[in-house]
Amino acid sequence: MTRQTFLQGAFILMIAGMITRFLGFLNRLVMARLMGEEGVGLYMMVIPSLFLIMTLTQVGLPVAISKRVAEANAKNDKEEIKKIIRLSCFIIGLTSIIFTSTLFLFSSFITTRLLTDPRTIYPLLAMLPMIPFIAFSSVIKGYFQGMHNMKPQSYALIIEQVVRVILVIFFVRIFLPYGVQFAAAAAMLSVFFGELSSFLYLYTKFKGNKLFTVRTKMFATIKRSKQTMKSLFSIALPSTGSRLINSISSFIEPILVTQSLAIAGVSTLLITKQYGELMGYVLPLLFLPTFITNSLSIAIVPAISDAEAVNNRSETIKRIQQTIRISLASGAIATVTLTKYATPILTYIYGSSNGSPFLTLMAPFFILLYIQTPMQASLQALDLAQLAMWNSFIGNIVKLTIIFMLGSHPNFQMNGVVIGMIVGVLLITILHYVTLKKTIQFFMKVNDIMQLALLLVLTWFASTFTYNLYVRNETFISLSISLLILFIIYIVLLFLLNIISRKELKQIPIIKDWFN
């Protein structure tokens, strides 16, 4: 089986993430243009329910599988790998049945009582069939991650998004004449077929690479896998706690938003539209750089597991420093661009600039979001998932409290919701950093901090210059040229400030040949 180094695996995932993020943006653009803010709002209101059910179904196993498979593979213990996969498939199959059925039974209560918009039942029911496929895909992804092979997951992500983009246009156009609620359900249906295609590809690759049959001696393996189960759940349960807290928070969030804004006197229709702008337009832009940070987060788990297996703490700290540095560097350009160009970017992408005040307010603070996931993955790889869970719990409780308090205040309304989200991001990230510092004496190099700060300042000054070029002739072409110039300046600054080193570049297959 093909094995990649930490940066090689991360780079493969980054390329796939960049492609899928572009396709995902195209998908949201199509939905926004076809369904409008109201349709997007209905779609986005049920997405947290999907995240919650998937968290419950997966019970934190993907991270645990990745770590334990990496450890077993380092010891060449193929029997242990068999136990891990068979046991995980059994657990995932059982939880899929339980939680999919539960969501179906309570679907009417959730949509009418909690989300306060009965129309959301259509996209919610449309998402139910995809849950088992996502769950089993996560097991296969965890296996390949543990084997340091990121290619199958990368190809699966691309396949999923391609299918979604193609089908969303077809399905939404068919169902839109019957109402935006059916269009939202149609958009969710395209997600199902995307996940199904992704699962079929992953299963084919897994079947071709594995050294055993999952179904053979399934129950016999489970009976003698008590230690394996204990090993998996020592990571899975705290990881589930973190994800469950985030998922419950995401699930409660639209409920608190709708309830608090209603107290402030905002109409249901306006709430749906504003929530659609925030969740469907603004947050996807803010999460754009996370295809890089998520890739690093996935790759760092087996990398740290390998280092810790041989008690190489200095290598662990080095990997975390490297991951945070690259994550901040990738977030700097997004932070500056989204803050400076909020109105034209929203206008040309979605045909509406209504969410620009939210984007301008959130972008400067969300640079810390880009190191939050890598730090959480590092804590999980260090068997400190329980501490990461408590950090998430504290941050989300504070976030939800602020959302309700400020959202229900007539002077804040949706701006209060935005402030709550910002505080949540800042608090969780700071807590993760403090935890790493206390447990493994982690620190960021002073030189790295100064270089990154200088990068941010210089990129901001460059954005002022390029934005002035845009305002002279406010067209899409002038915006594209302005952003291209800014991006080129940013790339030059990355190398001039030595934020990305020559040694790191040489680990990337395509660039490696340039140095030879």
Protein backbone atom coordinates (compact mmCIF):
# COMPACT_ATOMS: atom_id res chain seq x y z
CA MET A 1 0.00 0.00 0.00
CA THR A 2 1.21 3.51 -0.85
CA ARG A 3 2.50 5.40 2.21
CA GLN A 4 3.11 9.14 2.41
CA THR A 5 5.07 11.31 4.82
CA PHE A 6 3.24 13.84 7.00
CA LEU A 7 3.56 16.75 4.56
CA GLN A 8 3.02 14.57 1.48
CA GLY A 9 -0.22 13.20 2.93
CA ALA A 10 -1.31 16.67 4.01
CA PHE A 11 -0.51 18.07 0.54
CA ILE A 12 -2.60 15.38 -1.18
CA LEU A 13 -5.52 16.19 1.11
CA MET A 14 -5.01 19.93 0.52
CA ILE A 15 -5.25 19.53 -3.25
CA ALA A 16 -8.39 17.43 -2.90
CA GLY A 17 -9.73 19.90 -0.34
CA MET A 18 -9.08 22.84 -2.65
CA ILE A 19 -10.93 21.12 -5.49
CA THR A 20 -13.84 20.05 -3.30
CA ARG A 21 -14.04 23.45 -1.65
CA PHE A 22 -14.33 25.05 -5.09
CA LEU A 23 -16.98 22.53 -6.10
CA GLY A 24 -18.76 23.05 -2.77
CA PHE A 25 -18.75 26.79 -3.42
CA LEU A 26 -20.18 26.16 -6.85
CA ASN A 27 -22.84 24.00 -5.25
CA ARG A 28 -23.80 26.73 -2.76
CA LEU A 29 -23.76 29.31 -5.53
CA VAL A 30 -26.23 27.24 -7.53
CA MET A 31 -28.47 26.78 -4.49
CA ALA A 32 -28.33 30.47 -3.64
CA ARG A 33 -29.18 31.51 -7.18
CA LEU A 34 -31.98 28.96 -7.58
CA MET A 35 -33.53 28.85 -4.10
CA GLY A 36 -32.72 32.30 -2.70
CA GLU A 37 -32.07 33.19 0.93
CA GLU A 38 -35.24 31.52 2.20
CA GLY A 39 -34.51 28.18 0.53
CA VAL A 40 -30.89 28.22 1.70
CA GLY A 41 -32.10 29.07 5.20
CA LEU A 42 -34.39 26.00 5.27
CA TYR A 43 -31.53 23.81 4.03
CA MET A 44 -29.02 25.19 6.54
CA MET A 45 -31.42 24.85 9.48
CA VAL A 46 -31.40 21.04 9.23
CA ILE A 47 -27.67 20.63 8.56
CA PRO A 48 -26.85 20.80 12.32
CA SER A 49 -29.24 17.86 12.85
CA LEU A 50 -27.18 15.85 10.34
CA PHE A 51 -23.95 16.76 12.12
CA LEU A 52 -25.43 15.77 15.48
CA ILE A 53 -26.67 12.38 14.27
CA MET A 54 -23.38 11.66 12.51
CA THR A 55 -21.48 12.45 15.71
CA LEU A 56 -23.68 10.05 17.66
CA THR A 57 -23.44 7.40 14.96
CA GLN A 58 -19.66 7.52 14.56
CA VAL A 59 -19.06 7.71 18.36
CA GLY A 60 -15.61 9.22 17.73
CA LEU A 61 -14.31 6.11 15.96
CA PRO A 62 -12.66 7.74 12.88
CA VAL A 63 -9.93 9.45 14.95
CA ALA A 64 -9.51 6.38 17.16
CA ILE A 65 -9.22 4.08 14.12
CA SER A 66 -6.60 6.33 12.54
CA LYS A 67 -4.48 6.41 15.71
CA ARG A 68 -4.77 2.73 16.66
CA VAL A 69 -4.26 1.47 13.08
CA ALA A 70 -1.13 3.66 12.82
CA GLU A 71 0.21 2.18 16.07
CA ALA A 72 -0.62 -1.41 15.04
CA ASN A 73 0.88 -0.91 11.59
CA ALA A 74 4.10 0.48 13.13
CA LYS A 75 4.36 -2.84 15.04
CA ASN A 76 3.32 -4.83 11.94
CA ASP A 77 0.40 -6.23 13.95
CA LYS A 78 -2.07 -7.11 11.18
CA GLU A 79 -4.25 -9.15 13.52
CA GLU A 80 -4.90 -6.06 15.62
CA ILE A 81 -5.82 -4.07 12.50
CA LYS A 82 -8.38 -6.76 11.64
CA LYS A 83 -9.92 -6.49 15.10
CA ILE A 84 -10.07 -2.69 14.87
CA ILE A 85 -11.89 -2.67 11.53
CA ARG A 86 -14.30 -5.50 12.26
CA LEU A 87 -15.23 -4.12 15.66
CA SER A 88 -15.66 -0.61 14.25
CA CYS A 89 -17.95 -1.83 11.46
CA PHE A 90 -20.12 -3.69 13.97
CA ILE A 91 -20.44 -0.64 16.23
CA ILE A 92 -21.12 1.72 13.31
CA GLY A 93 -23.79 -0.58 11.89
CA LEU A 94 -25.57 -0.77 15.23
CA THR A 95 -25.47 2.98 15.93
CA SER A 96 -26.61 3.79 12.37
CA ILE A 97 -29.81 1.80 12.88
CA ILE A 98 -30.50 3.27 16.32
CA PHE A 99 -29.94 6.97 15.60
CA THR A 100 -31.40 7.06 12.08
CA SER A 101 -34.60 5.52 13.44
CA THR A 102 -34.63 7.95 16.37
CA LEU A 103 -34.28 10.97 14.11
CA PHE A 104 -37.11 9.72 11.91
CA LEU A 105 -39.44 9.22 14.88
CA PHE A 106 -38.76 12.71 16.29
CA SER A 107 -38.58 14.54 12.94
CA SER A 108 -41.97 16.22 13.33
CA PHE A 109 -41.20 17.44 16.86
CA ILE A 110 -37.78 18.79 15.82
CA THR A 111 -39.06 20.72 12.81
CA THR A 112 -42.28 22.15 14.29
CA ARG A 113 -41.33 22.74 17.93
CA LEU A 114 -37.57 23.32 17.90
CA LEU A 115 -36.83 24.84 14.49
CA THR A 116 -40.24 26.58 14.47
CA ASP A 117 -40.61 26.14 10.70
CA PRO A 118 -42.60 22.99 9.70
CA ARG A 119 -41.21 23.22 6.16
CA THR A 120 -37.81 21.99 7.37
CA ILE A 121 -39.22 18.46 7.69
CA TYR A 122 -38.73 17.89 3.95
CA PRO A 123 -34.94 18.40 3.81
CA LEU A 124 -34.62 16.62 7.18
CA LEU A 125 -36.33 13.46 5.92
CA ALA A 126 -34.35 13.62 2.67
CA MET A 127 -31.07 13.39 4.59
CA LEU A 128 -31.91 10.21 6.55
CA PRO A 129 -30.82 7.64 3.92
CA MET A 130 -27.28 9.02 3.71
CA ILE A 131 -26.42 8.49 7.41
CA PRO A 132 -25.28 4.81 7.20
CA PHE A 133 -23.15 5.50 4.11
CA ILE A 134 -21.35 8.43 5.76
CA ALA A 135 -20.79 6.31 8.87
CA PHE A 136 -19.22 3.33 7.08
CA SER A 137 -17.18 5.68 4.89
CA SER A 138 -15.67 7.17 8.05
CA VAL A 139 -14.40 3.73 9.12
CA ILE A 140 -12.67 3.19 5.79
CA LYS A 141 -11.20 6.70 5.86
CA GLY A 142 -9.83 6.10 9.36
CA TYR A 143 -8.20 2.86 8.16
CA PHE A 144 -6.45 4.54 5.22
CA GLN A 145 -5.38 7.49 7.39
CA GLY A 146 -3.80 5.11 9.88
CA MET A 147 -1.94 3.42 7.03
CA HIS A 148 -0.61 6.87 5.96
CA ASN A 149 -2.45 6.65 2.63
CA MET A 150 -4.48 9.80 2.02
CA LYS A 151 -5.22 9.24 -1.68
CA PRO A 152 -8.46 7.18 -1.39
CA GLN A 153 -10.05 9.75 0.91
CA SER A 154 -8.95 12.58 -1.37
CA TYR A 155 -10.44 10.99 -4.49
CA ALA A 156 -13.64 10.14 -2.59
CA LEU A 157 -14.09 13.79 -1.57
CA ILE A 158 -13.80 14.91 -5.19
CA ILE A 159 -16.23 12.26 -6.43
CA GLU A 160 -18.77 13.25 -3.78
CA GLN A 161 -18.67 16.94 -4.70
CA VAL A 162 -18.79 16.35 -8.46
CA VAL A 163 -21.92 14.22 -8.10
CA ARG A 164 -23.51 16.81 -5.77
CA VAL A 165 -22.86 19.74 -8.11
CA ILE A 166 -24.23 17.89 -11.13
CA LEU A 167 -27.36 16.62 -9.40
CA VAL A 168 -28.26 19.72 -7.37
CA ILE A 169 -28.99 21.70 -10.54
CA PHE A 170 -31.12 18.88 -11.92
CA PHE A 171 -33.06 18.13 -8.72
CA VAL A 172 -33.65 21.72 -7.56
CA ARG A 173 -34.99 22.80 -10.95
CA ILE A 174 -37.46 19.91 -10.90
CA PHE A 175 -38.78 20.48 -7.37
CA LEU A 176 -38.58 24.29 -7.09
CA PRO A 177 -42.00 24.90 -8.75
CA TYR A 178 -43.60 22.99 -5.85
CA GLY A 179 -42.08 25.35 -3.22
CA VAL A 180 -38.74 26.27 -1.64
CA GLN A 181 -39.18 23.52 0.98
CA PHE A 182 -39.17 20.87 -1.76
CA ALA A 183 -36.22 22.57 -3.44
CA ALA A 184 -34.32 22.36 -0.12
CA ALA A 185 -35.20 18.66 0.08
CA ALA A 186 -33.98 18.20 -3.49
CA ALA A 187 -30.66 19.86 -2.59
CA MET A 188 -30.33 17.42 0.32
CA LEU A 189 -31.10 14.55 -2.03
CA SER A 190 -28.11 15.54 -4.17
CA VAL A 191 -25.98 15.27 -1.01
CA PHE A 192 -27.23 11.70 -0.51
CA PHE A 193 -26.17 10.60 -3.97
CA GLY A 194 -22.80 12.30 -3.50
CA GLU A 195 -22.22 10.40 -0.24
CA LEU A 196 -23.37 7.15 -1.84
CA SER A 197 -20.90 7.58 -4.72
CA SER A 198 -18.11 8.37 -2.26
CA PHE A 199 -18.88 5.27 -0.19
CA LEU A 200 -18.92 2.96 -3.22
CA TYR A 201 -15.51 4.23 -4.33
CA LEU A 202 -14.00 3.90 -0.84
CA TYR A 203 -15.43 0.41 -0.41
CA THR A 204 -13.95 -0.66 -3.75
CA LYS A 205 -10.50 0.66 -2.77
CA PHE A 206 -10.74 -0.93 0.68
CA LYS A 207 -11.77 -4.27 -0.76
CA GLY A 208 -8.79 -4.16 -3.14
CA ASN A 209 -6.22 -3.21 -0.45
CA LYS A 210 -7.26 -5.01 2.73
CA LEU A 211 -5.77 -8.32 3.74
CA PHE A 212 -8.95 -9.79 5.24
CA THR A 213 -12.72 -10.01 4.83
CA VAL A 214 -14.74 -7.92 7.25
CA ARG A 215 -17.71 -10.31 7.35
CA THR A 216 -15.62 -13.44 7.96
CA LYS A 217 -15.58 -14.43 11.65
CA MET A 218 -17.11 -11.06 12.52
CA PHE A 219 -18.73 -12.10 15.81
CA ALA A 220 -15.87 -14.40 16.78
CA THR A 221 -13.47 -11.47 16.38
CA ILE A 222 -15.71 -9.19 18.44
CA LYS A 223 -15.82 -11.68 21.32
CA ARG A 224 -12.03 -11.69 21.66
CA SER A 225 -11.61 -7.96 21.09
CA LYS A 226 -12.28 -6.60 24.59
CA GLN A 227 -8.85 -5.01 24.82
CA THR A 228 -9.18 -3.56 21.31
CA MET A 229 -12.58 -2.10 22.22
CA LYS A 230 -11.13 -0.57 25.37
CA SER A 231 -8.23 0.86 23.35
CA LEU A 232 -10.56 2.35 20.73
CA PHE A 233 -13.01 3.86 23.19
CA SER A 234 -10.25 5.41 25.30
CA ILE A 235 -9.92 7.82 22.36
CA ALA A 236 -13.34 7.52 20.74
CA LEU A 237 -15.47 8.49 23.75
CA PRO A 238 -13.64 11.74 24.61
CA SER A 239 -13.46 12.53 20.87
CA THR A 240 -17.18 11.89 20.65
CA GLY A 241 -17.61 14.20 23.61
CA SER A 242 -15.88 17.03 21.76
CA ARG A 243 -17.77 16.42 18.54
CA LEU A 244 -21.01 15.85 20.41
CA ILE A 245 -20.64 19.13 22.24
CA ASN A 246 -19.98 20.94 18.94
CA SER A 247 -22.84 19.09 17.22
CA ILE A 248 -25.30 19.72 20.04
CA SER A 249 -24.20 23.35 20.03
CA SER A 250 -24.78 23.53 16.26
CA PHE A 251 -28.14 21.79 16.73
CA ILE A 252 -29.23 24.17 19.51
CA GLU A 253 -27.82 27.23 17.75
CA PRO A 254 -30.58 27.73 15.14
CA ILE A 255 -33.15 27.07 17.84
CA LEU A 256 -31.65 29.75 20.11
CA VAL A 257 -31.23 32.12 17.18
CA THR A 258 -34.87 31.81 16.12
CA GLN A 259 -36.16 32.02 19.68
CA SER A 260 -33.93 34.93 20.77
CA LEU A 261 -34.57 36.98 17.62
CA ALA A 262 -38.31 36.34 18.01
CA ILE A 263 -38.06 37.80 21.54
CA ALA A 264 -36.30 40.82 20.01
CA GLY A 265 -39.30 41.29 17.71
CA VAL A 266 -37.85 39.94 14.44
CA SER A 267 -40.31 38.17 12.12
CA THR A 268 -39.94 34.46 11.27
CA LEU A 269 -39.38 35.24 7.57
CA LEU A 270 -36.62 37.76 8.31
CA ILE A 271 -34.98 35.34 10.79
CA THR A 272 -34.87 32.62 8.12
CA LYS A 273 -33.39 35.03 5.57
CA GLN A 274 -30.75 36.45 7.91
CA TYR A 275 -29.80 32.99 9.16
CA GLY A 276 -29.50 31.89 5.54
CA GLU A 277 -27.15 34.83 4.86
CA LEU A 278 -25.01 34.05 7.90
CA MET A 279 -24.85 30.25 7.58
CA GLY A 280 -25.21 29.88 3.81
CA TYR A 281 -23.20 32.87 2.59
CA VAL A 282 -20.83 34.22 5.28
CA LEU A 283 -19.63 31.10 7.12
CA PRO A 284 -18.74 29.15 3.94
CA LEU A 285 -16.40 32.01 3.01
CA LEU A 286 -14.86 32.06 6.48
CA PHE A 287 -14.39 28.29 6.39
CA LEU A 288 -12.73 28.44 2.97
CA PRO A 289 -9.13 28.03 4.27
CA THR A 290 -10.12 25.06 6.44
CA PHE A 291 -9.46 22.64 3.58
CA ILE A 292 -5.79 23.26 4.42
CA THR A 293 -6.16 23.09 8.20
CA ASN A 294 -8.43 20.03 8.04
CA SER A 295 -5.88 18.28 5.82
CA LEU A 296 -3.13 19.02 8.31
CA SER A 297 -5.38 17.86 11.16
CA ILE A 298 -6.02 14.51 9.49
CA ALA A 299 -2.35 13.96 8.65
CA ILE A 300 -1.01 14.99 12.06
CA VAL A 301 -2.83 12.25 14.03
CA PRO A 302 -0.84 9.28 12.64
CA ALA A 303 2.33 11.45 12.54
CA ILE A 304 2.11 12.25 16.26
CA SER A 305 1.09 8.64 17.02
CA ASP A 306 4.29 7.41 15.36
CA ALA A 307 6.43 9.93 17.28
CA GLU A 308 4.82 9.15 20.63
CA ALA A 309 5.15 5.40 20.04
CA VAL A 310 8.95 5.82 20.17
CA ASN A 311 8.82 8.51 22.91
CA ASN A 312 10.03 11.27 20.57
CA ARG A 313 8.39 14.28 22.23
CA SER A 314 10.58 16.80 20.38
CA GLU A 315 9.25 15.44 17.06
CA THR A 316 5.70 15.80 18.35
CA ILE A 317 6.22 19.45 19.29
CA LYS A 318 7.94 20.11 15.97
CA ARG A 319 4.96 18.70 14.03
CA ILE A 320 2.46 20.78 16.00
CA GLN A 321 4.54 23.94 15.51
CA GLN A 322 4.79 23.21 11.81
CA THR A 323 1.04 22.61 11.52
CA ILE A 324 0.08 25.82 13.36
CA ARG A 325 2.55 27.89 11.31
CA ILE A 326 1.19 26.63 7.99
CA SER A 327 -2.42 26.97 9.21
CA LEU A 328 -1.93 30.59 10.27
CA ALA A 329 -0.15 31.39 7.03
CA SER A 330 -3.05 29.99 5.01
CA GLY A 331 -5.56 31.89 7.14
CA ALA A 332 -3.78 35.25 6.86
CA ILE A 333 -4.67 35.80 3.21
CA ALA A 334 -8.30 34.77 3.80
CA THR A 335 -8.63 37.06 6.83
CA VAL A 336 -7.31 40.09 4.98
CA THR A 337 -9.23 39.42 1.76
CA LEU A 338 -12.61 38.75 3.40
CA THR A 339 -12.30 41.79 5.68
CA LYS A 340 -11.31 44.17 2.88
CA TYR A 341 -13.41 42.78 0.03
CA ALA A 342 -16.52 41.60 1.94
CA THR A 343 -19.10 43.53 -0.10
CA PRO A 344 -17.84 42.84 -3.66
CA ILE A 345 -17.10 39.17 -2.92
CA LEU A 346 -20.60 38.52 -1.58
CA THR A 347 -22.18 40.53 -4.40
CA TYR A 348 -20.43 38.71 -7.24
CA ILE A 349 -20.70 35.23 -5.71
CA TYR A 350 -24.26 35.27 -4.35
CA GLY A 351 -25.80 38.29 -6.06
CA SER A 352 -26.42 39.93 -2.66
CA SER A 353 -24.23 41.89 -0.24
CA ASN A 354 -26.68 41.67 2.69
CA GLY A 355 -24.27 39.59 4.77
CA SER A 356 -21.26 41.90 4.35
CA PRO A 357 -21.52 43.51 7.84
CA PHE A 358 -21.40 40.01 9.38
CA LEU A 359 -18.41 39.01 7.25
CA THR A 360 -16.45 42.19 7.99
CA LEU A 361 -17.03 41.74 11.72
CA MET A 362 -16.15 38.04 11.87
CA ALA A 363 -13.20 37.70 9.47
CA PRO A 364 -10.47 39.35 11.62
CA PHE A 365 -11.23 37.08 14.59
CA PHE A 366 -11.69 33.85 12.64
CA ILE A 367 -7.97 33.61 11.89
CA LEU A 368 -7.77 31.70 15.20
CA LEU A 369 -10.35 29.21 13.89
CA TYR A 370 -7.74 27.98 11.41
CA ILE A 371 -5.48 26.65 14.19
CA GLN A 372 -8.29 25.35 16.41
CA THR A 373 -8.86 22.07 14.54
CA PRO A 374 -5.14 21.17 14.22
CA MET A 375 -4.64 21.76 17.94
CA GLN A 376 -7.68 19.65 18.79
CA ALA A 377 -6.39 16.85 16.54
CA SER A 378 -3.01 17.10 18.28
CA LEU A 379 -4.66 16.72 21.70
CA GLN A 380 -6.55 13.66 20.47
CA ALA A 381 -3.37 12.12 19.04
CA LEU A 382 -1.70 12.67 22.43
CA ASP A 383 -4.53 10.79 24.22
CA LEU A 384 -5.70 14.12 25.66
CA ALA A 385 -9.10 14.05 23.94
CA GLN A 386 -10.88 14.44 27.29
CA LEU A 387 -9.22 17.80 27.90
CA ALA A 388 -10.12 18.90 24.35
CA MET A 389 -13.70 17.90 25.10
CA TRP A 390 -13.87 20.14 28.18
CA ASN A 391 -12.38 23.03 26.22
CA SER A 392 -15.12 22.63 23.61
CA PHE A 393 -17.77 22.37 26.31
CA ILE A 394 -16.71 25.62 27.99
CA GLY A 395 -16.40 27.49 24.69
CA ASN A 396 -19.79 26.37 23.38
CA ILE A 397 -21.62 27.09 26.63
CA VAL A 398 -20.24 30.64 26.60
CA LYS A 399 -21.08 31.02 22.90
CA LEU A 400 -24.70 29.88 23.26
CA THR A 401 -25.21 32.04 26.35
CA ILE A 402 -24.00 35.16 24.52
CA ILE A 403 -26.08 34.30 21.44
CA PHE A 404 -29.28 34.16 23.50
CA MET A 405 -28.50 37.18 25.67
CA LEU A 406 -27.45 39.49 22.85
CA GLY A 407 -29.67 38.00 20.14
CA SER A 408 -32.78 38.70 22.21
CA HIS A 409 -31.66 42.30 22.84
CA PRO A 410 -33.35 44.74 20.41
CA ASN A 411 -30.11 46.71 19.96
CA PHE A 412 -28.06 43.67 18.88
CA GLN A 413 -30.34 41.06 17.28
CA MET A 414 -28.34 39.14 14.60
CA ASN A 415 -25.16 41.08 15.45
CA GLY A 416 -25.44 39.54 18.93
CA VAL A 417 -25.49 36.09 17.33
CA VAL A 418 -22.33 36.96 15.40
CA ILE A 419 -20.57 38.22 18.53
CA GLY A 420 -21.42 34.95 20.31
CA MET A 421 -19.85 32.93 17.48
CA ILE A 422 -16.70 35.04 17.59
CA VAL A 423 -16.29 34.62 21.36
CA GLY A 424 -16.76 30.85 21.01
CA VAL A 425 -13.99 30.56 18.42
CA LEU A 426 -11.55 32.69 20.41
CA LEU A 427 -12.17 30.93 23.73
CA ILE A 428 -11.87 27.33 22.45
CA THR A 429 -8.67 28.11 20.52
CA ILE A 430 -7.05 29.80 23.51
CA LEU A 431 -8.02 26.90 25.80
CA HIS A 432 -6.53 24.34 23.37
CA TYR A 433 -3.25 26.26 23.26
CA VAL A 434 -3.07 26.55 27.06
CA THR A 435 -3.77 22.81 27.37
CA LEU A 436 -0.92 21.91 25.00
CA LYS A 437 1.40 24.26 26.84
CA LYS A 438 0.60 22.75 30.25
CA THR A 439 0.65 19.08 29.23
CA ILE A 440 3.61 18.80 26.84
CA GLN A 441 5.32 22.18 27.35
CA PHE A 442 4.34 23.20 23.84
CA PHE A 443 5.36 26.66 22.65
CA MET A 444 5.31 28.69 19.47
CA LYS A 445 8.72 29.93 18.33
CA VAL A 446 9.15 33.68 18.75
CA ASN A 447 10.60 33.88 15.24
CA ASP A 448 7.52 32.18 13.79
CA ILE A 449 5.18 34.57 15.63
CA MET A 450 7.08 37.65 14.41
CA GLN A 451 7.19 36.40 10.83
CA LEU A 452 3.46 35.60 10.80
CA ALA A 453 2.59 39.00 12.33
CA LEU A 454 4.71 40.74 9.71
CA LEU A 455 3.03 38.68 6.98
CA LEU A 456 -0.40 39.77 8.20
CA VAL A 457 0.55 43.46 8.39
CA LEU A 458 2.24 43.55 4.97
CA THR A 459 -0.64 41.65 3.36
CA TRP A 460 -3.09 44.19 4.83
CA PHE A 461 -1.14 47.12 3.36
CA ALA A 462 -1.01 45.30 0.02
CA SER A 463 -4.79 44.76 0.15
CA THR A 464 -5.32 48.51 0.58
CA PHE A 465 -3.36 49.12 -2.61
CA THR A 466 -5.14 46.39 -4.61
CA TYR A 467 -8.59 47.44 -3.34
CA ASN A 468 -7.97 50.96 -4.62
CA LEU A 469 -7.29 49.42 -8.03
CA TYR A 470 -10.66 47.67 -7.86
CA VAL A 471 -12.73 50.73 -6.86
CA ARG A 472 -11.47 52.65 -9.91
CA ASN A 473 -13.53 50.34 -12.09
CA GLU A 474 -15.93 48.22 -10.02
CA THR A 475 -16.38 45.22 -12.30
CA PHE A 476 -15.88 41.50 -11.87
CA ILE A 477 -12.77 41.60 -14.06
CA SER A 478 -11.20 44.39 -12.00
CA LEU A 479 -12.04 42.47 -8.80
CA SER A 480 -10.41 39.32 -10.18
CA ILE A 481 -7.27 41.21 -11.24
CA SER A 482 -7.09 42.95 -7.87
CA LEU A 483 -7.37 39.66 -5.94
CA LEU A 484 -4.84 37.98 -8.24
CA ILE A 485 -2.27 40.74 -7.61
CA LEU A 486 -2.90 40.48 -3.87
CA PHE A 487 -2.44 36.70 -3.96
CA ILE A 488 0.82 36.98 -5.91
CA ILE A 489 2.15 39.53 -3.40
CA TYR A 490 1.13 37.19 -0.58
CA ILE A 491 2.96 34.20 -2.14
CA VAL A 492 6.10 36.31 -2.59
CA LEU A 493 5.90 37.39 1.06
CA LEU A 494 5.60 33.75 2.17
CA PHE A 495 8.99 32.96 0.62
CA LEU A 496 10.69 36.25 1.47
CA LEU A 497 9.79 35.80 5.15
CA ASN A 498 10.76 32.11 4.99
CA ILE A 499 7.41 31.01 6.43
CA ILE A 500 7.42 28.02 4.09
CA SER A 501 10.92 26.52 4.06
CA ARG A 502 12.81 24.95 1.17
CA LYS A 503 12.98 21.65 3.10
CA GLU A 504 9.18 21.56 3.44
CA LEU A 505 8.69 22.35 -0.25
CA LYS A 506 11.00 19.50 -1.26
CA GLN A 507 8.63 17.03 0.41
CA ILE A 508 5.88 17.93 -2.07
CA PRO A 509 6.14 15.49 -5.03
CA ILE A 510 5.41 18.03 -7.79
CA ILE A 511 7.81 20.67 -6.45
CA LYS A 512 10.51 18.19 -5.44
CA ASP A 513 11.62 17.75 -9.07
CA TRP A 514 12.32 21.49 -9.36
CA PHE A 515 15.10 21.21 -6.77
CA ASN A 516 16.77 18.23 -8.45
